[in-house]
Amino acid sequence: MLTKYNQFPDQYETERQHNALVNSFYTDSFLFKYPYTLANYRRGINPVCALYEELQASLYRQDKTKFDDWLIDLCTKHKDDIIAALVYDCAAINRFLLENSTKKPLLQGLLAKFKSYLTFFNQF
């Protein structure tokens, strides 16, 4: 019986490398996983994505709450760690896209998103 992996071994290898890449993101580290920020989002969201969304909402909110103050202070303290993780992950995605001839629109979109997060945290 032939499976799709037996028929297309190169595609299987690319998928395996893609999954390994996504699972090795520094932005998915426990350093950035805070239950208060992850609670409002889908399970498995990248913690830096959740921090970014919550921080933007906190910065634009007129009446600041204790949560807003806590989040702004937290992101200020860990700004260098967040930036370092984003830089590492962007470089890893770039390497993957250069090494694999197949276009990965999801990875290209994720790279664009991470670059916008990087710009935001650099200016924060």
Protein backbone atom coordinates (compact mmCIF):
# COMPACT_ATOMS: atom_id res chain seq x y z
CA MET A 1 0.00 0.00 0.00
CA LEU A 2 1.42 3.36 -1.01
CA THR A 3 0.98 6.34 1.20
CA LYS A 4 1.57 9.90 0.18
CA TYR A 5 4.89 9.78 2.04
CA ASN A 6 6.06 6.79 0.01
CA GLN A 7 5.01 8.47 -3.22
CA PHE A 8 6.60 11.85 -2.42
CA PRO A 9 9.53 11.33 -0.03
CA ASP A 10 10.98 14.80 -0.71
CA GLN A 11 7.70 16.46 0.25
CA TYR A 12 7.56 14.39 3.44
CA GLU A 13 11.09 15.46 4.35
CA THR A 14 10.21 19.13 3.77
CA GLU A 15 7.10 18.78 5.96
CA ARG A 16 9.18 17.10 8.67
CA GLN A 17 11.73 19.93 8.56
CA HIS A 18 8.93 22.52 8.62
CA ASN A 19 7.40 20.95 11.72
CA ALA A 20 10.80 20.77 13.41
CA LEU A 21 11.35 24.45 12.62
CA VAL A 22 8.02 25.56 14.06
CA ASN A 23 8.52 23.43 17.17
CA SER A 24 11.96 24.95 17.79
CA PHE A 25 10.93 28.61 17.81
CA TYR A 26 12.51 30.61 20.63
CA THR A 27 9.37 32.73 20.77
CA ASP A 28 7.50 29.63 21.93
CA SER A 29 9.64 29.45 25.07
CA PHE A 30 8.21 29.16 28.56
CA LEU A 31 9.74 32.59 29.28
CA PHE A 32 6.90 34.22 27.37
CA LYS A 33 4.01 32.01 28.47
CA TYR A 34 1.82 33.92 30.90
CA PRO A 35 -1.65 32.55 31.62
CA TYR A 36 -3.11 36.05 31.81
CA THR A 37 -2.07 36.83 28.24
CA LEU A 38 -2.74 33.40 26.73
CA ALA A 39 -6.22 32.98 28.22
CA ASN A 40 -7.93 35.10 25.56
CA TYR A 41 -6.47 33.28 22.56
CA ARG A 42 -6.66 29.90 20.90
CA ARG A 43 -4.73 27.02 22.33
CA GLY A 44 -1.25 26.74 20.84
CA ILE A 45 -0.84 30.40 19.91
CA ASN A 46 2.72 31.66 19.91
CA PRO A 47 3.17 33.43 23.28
CA VAL A 48 4.91 36.43 21.73
CA CYS A 49 1.94 36.88 19.39
CA ALA A 50 -0.37 36.96 22.41
CA LEU A 51 1.93 39.41 24.23
CA TYR A 52 1.99 41.65 21.18
CA GLU A 53 -1.81 41.70 20.84
CA GLU A 54 -2.40 42.29 24.55
CA LEU A 55 0.29 44.96 24.74
CA GLN A 56 -1.15 46.86 21.80
CA ALA A 57 -4.59 46.78 23.41
CA SER A 58 -3.11 47.96 26.71
CA LEU A 59 -1.23 50.82 25.11
CA TYR A 60 -4.29 52.12 23.26
CA ARG A 61 -6.73 51.73 26.16
CA GLN A 62 -7.80 55.04 27.66
CA ASP A 63 -8.46 53.85 31.21
CA LYS A 64 -5.47 51.74 32.26
CA THR A 65 -6.11 48.82 34.59
CA LYS A 66 -3.70 47.00 36.90
CA PHE A 67 -3.34 44.36 34.18
CA ASP A 68 -2.27 47.02 31.68
CA ASP A 69 0.34 48.37 34.06
CA TRP A 70 1.60 44.86 34.81
CA LEU A 71 1.82 43.95 31.13
CA ILE A 72 3.62 47.13 30.12
CA ASP A 73 6.10 46.67 32.96
CA LEU A 74 6.59 42.99 32.06
CA CYS A 75 7.25 43.71 28.39
CA THR A 76 9.61 46.52 29.30
CA LYS A 77 11.64 44.17 31.50
CA HIS A 78 11.73 41.37 28.91
CA LYS A 79 12.03 43.54 25.81
CA ASP A 80 15.59 42.39 25.02
CA ASP A 81 14.63 38.71 25.40
CA ILE A 82 11.61 39.14 23.13
CA ILE A 83 13.66 40.92 20.48
CA ALA A 84 16.41 38.29 20.61
CA ALA A 85 13.87 35.48 20.22
CA LEU A 86 12.20 37.22 17.28
CA VAL A 87 15.53 37.85 15.54
CA TYR A 88 16.53 34.20 15.99
CA ASP A 89 13.19 32.91 14.67
CA CYS A 90 13.23 35.27 11.67
CA ALA A 91 16.71 34.05 10.78
CA ALA A 92 15.60 30.42 11.13
CA ILE A 93 12.59 31.00 8.86
CA ASN A 94 14.79 32.77 6.30
CA ARG A 95 17.25 29.86 6.30
CA PHE A 96 14.42 27.37 5.83
CA LEU A 97 12.94 29.33 2.93
CA LEU A 98 16.34 29.62 1.23
CA GLU A 99 17.17 25.93 1.66
CA ASN A 100 13.84 24.66 0.38
CA SER A 101 12.84 25.46 -3.14
CA THR A 102 9.16 24.99 -2.39
CA LYS A 103 7.34 28.17 -1.48
CA LYS A 104 5.69 28.09 1.91
CA PRO A 105 3.12 30.89 1.99
CA LEU A 106 2.34 30.22 5.65
CA LEU A 107 5.98 30.60 6.60
CA GLN A 108 6.32 33.73 4.49
CA GLY A 109 3.27 35.18 6.25
CA LEU A 110 4.68 34.20 9.64
CA LEU A 111 8.00 35.82 8.74
CA ALA A 112 6.22 39.04 7.80
CA LYS A 113 4.27 38.92 11.06
CA PHE A 114 7.41 38.32 13.15
CA LYS A 115 9.16 41.20 11.38
CA SER A 116 6.28 43.53 12.23
CA TYR A 117 6.45 42.34 15.88
CA LEU A 118 10.18 42.98 15.83
CA THR A 119 9.64 46.53 14.57
CA PHE A 120 7.00 47.12 17.24
CA PHE A 121 9.13 45.84 20.13
CA ASN A 122 12.18 47.76 18.89
CA GLN A 123 10.16 50.97 19.05
CA PHE A 124 8.41 50.09 22.31
